[in-house]
């Protein structure tokens, strides 16, 4: 042989030192994982809370959009109904209305003049559908007739 030789390279049997080293390594890994796992769990909890908050915000926004949409539809329906209403008829001839009101008021005025407490009575006129000019003309004529009736009765004003 020329001086080269080989020795057996077999691993020594596992002993007490190897077991202690393995246990210390496992404890170190568990300690590190415990701290890291705590931060990982806190991160997951924060992410879940943010996800729930975001979902709630989306639900609120969707509800508001729905309410605004239905309010617009209601307003549009109301406007279409309001526009569909026929315009209120205004009497073109106030003479006919004046005569009808006079015919209704003459008995009332006569009853008021005949009563002992004639000064305390009053009438209510409802002049719906008339223009202000028509209503003023009717009231002026009724007032003139009332004063004429009182002067004929000798009451005068």
Foldseek 3Di string as FASTA:
>chain_A
DPPDDDDDDDDDDDDPVNVVVVVVVVVVVVVVCVVVVVVVVVVVVVVVVVVVVVVVVVVVVVVVVVVVVVVVVVVVVVVVVVVPDDDQAADPDLVVVLVVVCVVCVVVLVVLVPDPPSVPDDDDDDDPRYDPVSVVVSVVVVVVVSQVVCVVVVNHD
